[in-house]
Protein backbone atom coordinates (compact mmCIF):
# COMPACT_ATOMS: atom_id res chain seq x y z
CA MET A 1 -199.39 176.24 62.52
CA GLN A 2 -202.02 178.12 63.48
CA PHE A 3 -199.56 178.63 66.72
CA LEU A 4 -196.97 179.63 65.03
CA TYR A 5 -199.07 182.40 63.03
CA SER A 6 -200.24 183.64 66.32
CA LEU A 7 -196.76 184.48 67.56
CA TRP A 8 -197.14 187.10 64.72
CA GLY A 9 -199.41 189.06 67.08
CA PRO A 10 -199.81 190.45 70.58
CA ASN A 11 -199.94 186.65 71.82
CA GLY A 12 -196.63 186.54 70.38
CA VAL A 13 -195.18 189.92 71.97
CA ILE A 14 -196.04 188.80 75.33
CA LEU A 15 -194.77 185.45 74.71
CA LEU A 16 -191.25 186.93 73.28
CA GLY A 17 -191.25 189.55 76.59
CA ALA A 18 -191.81 186.91 78.87
CA LEU A 19 -188.87 185.04 77.70
CA ILE A 20 -187.19 187.96 77.73
CA SER A 21 -187.83 188.59 81.49
CA ALA A 22 -186.92 185.25 81.81
CA LEU A 23 -183.73 184.74 80.21
CA GLY A 24 -182.92 188.72 82.10
CA ALA A 25 -183.72 186.83 85.65
CA VAL A 26 -181.68 183.69 84.90
CA TRP A 27 -178.64 185.96 84.09
CA ALA A 28 -179.38 188.22 86.84
CA SER A 29 -179.43 185.33 89.09
CA ASN A 30 -175.86 183.71 87.73
CA SER A 31 -174.17 187.23 87.84
CA GLN A 32 -175.44 188.04 91.45
CA THR A 33 -174.20 184.33 92.26
CA LYS A 34 -170.94 185.28 91.13
CA VAL A 35 -171.15 188.85 92.37
CA ASN A 36 -171.65 186.90 96.26
CA ASP A 37 -169.07 184.24 95.18
CA THR A 38 -166.63 186.71 94.55
CA LEU A 39 -167.35 188.70 97.63
CA GLN A 40 -167.25 185.70 99.16
CA GLU A 41 -163.79 184.78 98.16
CA LYS A 42 -163.01 188.29 99.13
CA SER A 43 -164.38 188.35 102.52
CA THR A 44 -162.83 185.15 103.76
CA LEU A 45 -159.49 186.49 101.99
CA ILE A 46 -160.15 189.89 104.29
CA LEU A 47 -160.57 187.42 107.43
CA THR A 48 -157.83 185.39 106.76
CA GLN A 49 -155.33 188.55 106.05
CA SER A 50 -156.91 189.86 109.11
CA ASP A 51 -155.87 186.72 111.34
CA GLU A 52 -152.72 186.80 110.17
CA LEU A 53 -152.09 190.70 111.01
CA LYS A 54 -153.22 190.25 114.69
CA LEU A 55 -150.75 186.94 114.77
CA LYS A 56 -148.11 189.82 113.68
CA SER A 57 -149.56 191.93 116.10
CA ASP A 58 -149.10 189.48 118.69
CA GLU A 59 -145.29 188.89 117.56
CA ILE A 60 -144.35 192.49 117.28
CA ALA A 61 -146.22 193.08 120.95
CA LEU A 62 -144.24 189.86 122.08
CA LYS A 63 -140.95 191.73 120.33
CA ASN A 64 -141.46 195.38 122.25
CA SER A 65 -142.09 193.54 125.20
CA GLU A 66 -138.90 191.66 125.04
CA ILE A 67 -136.94 195.04 124.23
CA LEU A 68 -139.22 196.90 127.41
CA ASP A 69 -137.39 194.08 129.75
CA LYS A 70 -134.09 193.37 128.73
CA THR A 71 -134.26 197.58 128.79
CA THR A 72 -135.27 198.12 131.96
CA LEU A 73 -132.81 195.16 133.09
CA LEU A 74 -130.02 197.04 131.20
CA ALA A 75 -131.20 200.84 133.54
CA GLU A 76 -130.79 198.50 135.84
CA LYS A 77 -127.40 197.05 134.99
CA SER A 78 -126.24 201.01 133.76
CA ASP A 79 -127.52 201.60 137.79
CA GLU A 80 -125.97 199.17 139.49
CA ILE A 81 -122.55 200.17 137.00
CA ALA A 82 -122.58 203.69 138.09
CA GLY A 83 -123.56 202.58 142.36
CA LEU A 84 -120.54 200.77 141.68
CA ASN A 85 -118.41 203.30 140.05
CA ARG A 86 -119.61 206.68 142.98
CA GLU A 87 -118.56 203.70 145.55
CA LEU A 88 -115.01 203.36 143.71
CA LEU A 89 -114.86 206.42 143.71
CA ASN A 90 -115.86 207.45 147.26
CA TYR A 91 -113.08 204.73 148.15
CA SER A 92 -110.99 206.39 146.82
CA THR A 93 -111.78 209.95 147.62
CA GLY A 94 -112.64 209.54 151.13
CA GLY A 95 -116.97 209.60 150.45
CA ASP A 96 -118.30 211.65 153.46
CA SER A 97 -116.05 211.14 156.20
CA TYR A 98 -114.45 214.48 157.85
CA PRO A 99 -112.47 214.64 161.01
CA ILE A 100 -113.02 215.42 164.40
CA THR A 101 -110.53 216.53 166.35
CA GLN A 102 -110.59 216.03 170.32
CA ILE A 103 -108.33 216.29 173.58
CA ILE A 104 -108.82 212.54 174.58
CA ASP A 105 -107.98 211.40 178.51
CA LEU A 106 -108.07 214.91 179.51
CA ASP A 107 -106.41 215.18 183.01
CA ASN A 108 -108.59 216.96 184.73
CA ASN A 109 -105.61 217.69 187.80
CA THR A 110 -102.83 218.30 185.27
CA ASN A 111 -105.14 219.98 182.32
CA SER A 112 -103.21 217.34 179.85
CA GLY A 113 -104.29 215.05 177.16
CA LEU A 114 -103.50 213.85 173.84
CA LEU A 115 -104.77 215.42 170.59
CA ALA A 116 -106.22 212.75 168.30
CA VAL A 117 -108.32 213.42 165.43
CA HIS A 118 -110.98 210.62 164.74
CA ASN A 119 -112.55 209.73 161.23
CA SER A 120 -116.02 210.14 161.33
CA SER A 121 -116.97 208.04 158.77
CA GLU A 122 -118.32 204.26 159.47
CA GLU A 123 -117.12 203.16 155.95
CA TYR A 124 -114.38 205.67 153.85
CA PRO A 125 -110.92 206.25 154.72
CA LEU A 126 -109.80 209.69 155.39
CA PHE A 127 -107.14 210.36 153.05
CA ASN A 128 -104.31 213.39 153.03
CA LEU A 129 -105.05 214.78 155.85
CA ARG A 130 -103.66 218.20 156.87
CA VAL A 131 -104.41 219.57 160.68
CA ARG A 132 -103.80 223.45 161.75
CA VAL A 133 -104.64 223.94 165.51
CA TYR A 134 -104.88 227.62 166.60
CA ASP A 135 -104.89 228.30 170.03
CA TRP A 136 -107.13 231.60 170.47
CA ASP A 137 -104.82 232.61 173.38
CA SER A 138 -102.29 232.39 171.04
CA LYS A 139 -100.00 235.57 171.68
CA VAL A 140 -97.52 235.20 168.82
CA ALA A 141 -98.14 237.31 165.70
CA ARG A 142 -99.27 236.74 162.70
CA THR A 143 -96.34 237.57 159.80
CA LYS A 144 -94.95 236.80 155.95
CA GLU A 145 -92.25 235.10 157.95
CA ASN A 146 -94.36 232.64 159.95
CA MET A 147 -97.54 232.99 158.56
CA PHE A 148 -98.52 230.33 161.32
CA GLY A 149 -97.19 231.61 164.58
CA ASP A 150 -97.15 228.85 167.14
CA ASP A 151 -100.45 226.93 165.66
CA LYS A 152 -99.81 223.26 165.94
CA ILE A 153 -99.83 221.68 161.77
CA PHE A 154 -99.59 217.31 161.65
CA ASP A 155 -100.06 215.34 158.80
CA SER A 156 -101.83 212.20 158.02
CA ASP A 157 -101.79 210.46 154.83
CA MET A 158 -104.71 207.78 155.75
CA ILE A 159 -106.82 207.03 159.06
CA PRO A 160 -109.36 204.16 158.58
CA ALA A 161 -112.52 203.97 158.74
CA SER A 162 -114.05 204.78 162.56
CA SER A 163 -110.74 204.71 163.45
CA SER A 164 -107.65 207.66 165.32
CA HIS A 165 -104.55 209.88 164.74
CA LEU A 166 -102.67 210.19 167.63
CA GLU A 167 -100.68 213.33 167.58
CA GLY A 168 -98.84 213.64 171.13
CA ASN A 169 -99.97 215.83 174.15
CA ALA A 170 -101.80 218.46 174.49
CA LYS A 171 -101.67 220.63 177.46
CA LEU A 172 -104.07 223.28 178.65
CA GLY A 173 -101.96 225.23 181.03
CA SER A 174 -103.85 226.83 184.27
CA ASN A 175 -106.60 228.43 182.04
CA HIS A 176 -110.23 226.80 182.77
CA ILE A 177 -111.29 228.28 179.46
CA LYS A 178 -109.25 226.93 176.04
CA ASN A 179 -110.82 227.79 172.68
CA PHE A 180 -108.95 226.29 169.29
CA THR A 181 -109.85 226.52 165.60
CA ILE A 182 -108.93 223.59 163.60
CA GLN A 183 -108.87 223.95 160.00
CA SER A 184 -107.93 220.91 158.31
CA SER A 185 -107.86 219.76 154.83
CA ALA A 186 -108.11 216.06 152.94
CA ARG A 187 -108.36 214.56 149.67
CA ASN A 188 -112.44 214.83 149.75
CA GLY A 189 -112.08 218.70 150.89
CA GLN A 190 -111.44 221.41 153.52
CA PHE A 191 -113.72 221.55 157.11
CA VAL A 192 -114.08 223.82 159.89
CA GLN A 193 -114.25 222.56 163.69
CA THR A 194 -114.60 224.82 166.53
CA LEU A 195 -113.43 223.29 170.01
CA LYS A 196 -114.51 224.90 172.90
CA LEU A 197 -113.24 223.68 176.61
CA ARG A 198 -114.64 224.78 180.20
CA LYS A 199 -114.14 223.83 183.28
CA VAL A 200 -116.74 223.55 185.54
CA GLU A 201 -117.13 222.12 188.68
CA GLY A 202 -113.10 220.55 187.86
CA VAL A 203 -114.24 218.50 185.42
CA TRP A 204 -113.33 219.43 181.71
CA ARG A 205 -116.54 220.37 179.61
CA SER A 206 -115.80 220.29 175.71
CA ALA A 207 -118.28 221.73 172.83
CA ILE A 208 -117.33 221.01 169.22
CA LYS A 209 -119.14 221.67 165.88
CA VAL A 210 -117.25 221.49 162.73
CA THR A 211 -118.67 222.93 159.56
CA LYS A 212 -117.13 222.35 155.38
CA ILE A 213 -115.68 225.00 153.94
CA ASP A 214 -118.43 226.97 153.32
CA GLY A 215 -120.04 226.56 156.13
CA GLN A 216 -123.06 223.44 156.00
CA VAL A 217 -122.61 221.59 159.77
CA LEU A 218 -121.47 218.35 159.69
CA TYR A 219 -121.55 217.41 163.58
CA GLU A 220 -121.66 219.30 166.59
CA GLU A 221 -121.63 217.74 170.58
CA VAL A 222 -122.09 219.03 173.74
CA ASP A 223 -121.09 218.11 177.17
CA GLU A 224 -124.51 218.05 179.04
CA LYS A 225 -123.02 220.31 181.50
CA TYR A 226 -120.94 222.62 179.20
CA PRO A 227 -121.86 226.49 180.28
CA LEU A 228 -124.30 227.94 177.56
CA ASP A 229 -125.37 231.70 177.23
CA LYS A 230 -128.45 233.39 177.63
CA GLN A 231 -130.67 231.30 175.36
CA GLY A 232 -129.52 228.27 176.67
CA VAL A 233 -126.85 227.48 173.34
CA VAL A 234 -123.04 227.56 172.77
CA ASP A 235 -121.67 231.11 171.95
CA TRP A 236 -119.14 229.88 169.12
CA LYS A 237 -117.71 233.20 168.52
CA SER A 238 -116.67 233.87 172.69
CA LYS A 239 -113.96 233.18 174.15
CA LEU A 240 -115.72 233.10 177.53
C-alpha cells in the first residue's frame, strides 16, 4: 500500500514518464519497421519494374535493329531495281551509244573505199539511226526544194553493239584534201561528226571528232601523221 501511495508523488510522475517514453519507443520502433518494410517492398517493386523495363527496352532495341536491317535490305533491293530499270531503259533507247562514220579500206591509188558507220558502244545497240553526210566541196546549192543538195543520207534501224553498218562505196576523187560534216540522229540523241582526210606522202590520214548536239566531245581520234597547225593541233574548221 505504501508503494501505491508513493506513486501519487514525484516518483509516480517519473515512473509514468518512463512508461510513456518506453511505449513511445516501442510504437516508434514498430512504425519505423512498418515504414522500412513498405520502403523495401516499394524498392523491390521498383527494381522488378526496372528489370521489366530493361527487358522491354532490349526487345525494342532488337526490333529496331531488325527493322533497320530490313530497311537497309529494302533500300538495296530498291537500288537494284532502279539499276535494272536503268539498264532496261538503256537497252531500249541505246544507252551511251553513238555513231562513228569512217571511210574504211581506203585505197591510196583509186582514192575510194567503203562508207561505214560504227556503233561505239560495247554494250548497247544503236537504234533508228539516220545519217547525213555533207561534203565541204559540194557545189550544189541548198534551196527550199532541195534542202540537202547532194548530201548522202541513209538510215539503219539497228546497229548492234561494237558492230558496223556498211553504206556502199565512197569516192574521194583526185583531191588530196577532203572534209565532211556528218549529222546523225538516233533514239538516244543527236550527234555531229567532223571527218577530215589528208593524203600525206601518198597515204590517206584521218582526223575524227564526234560531239553531242550541245558540243560535248564524245570521241576524238587523229592519225599520228595527220598534218597539224602551228599550235600542234587539228584545225577542225579549216578546209586546208
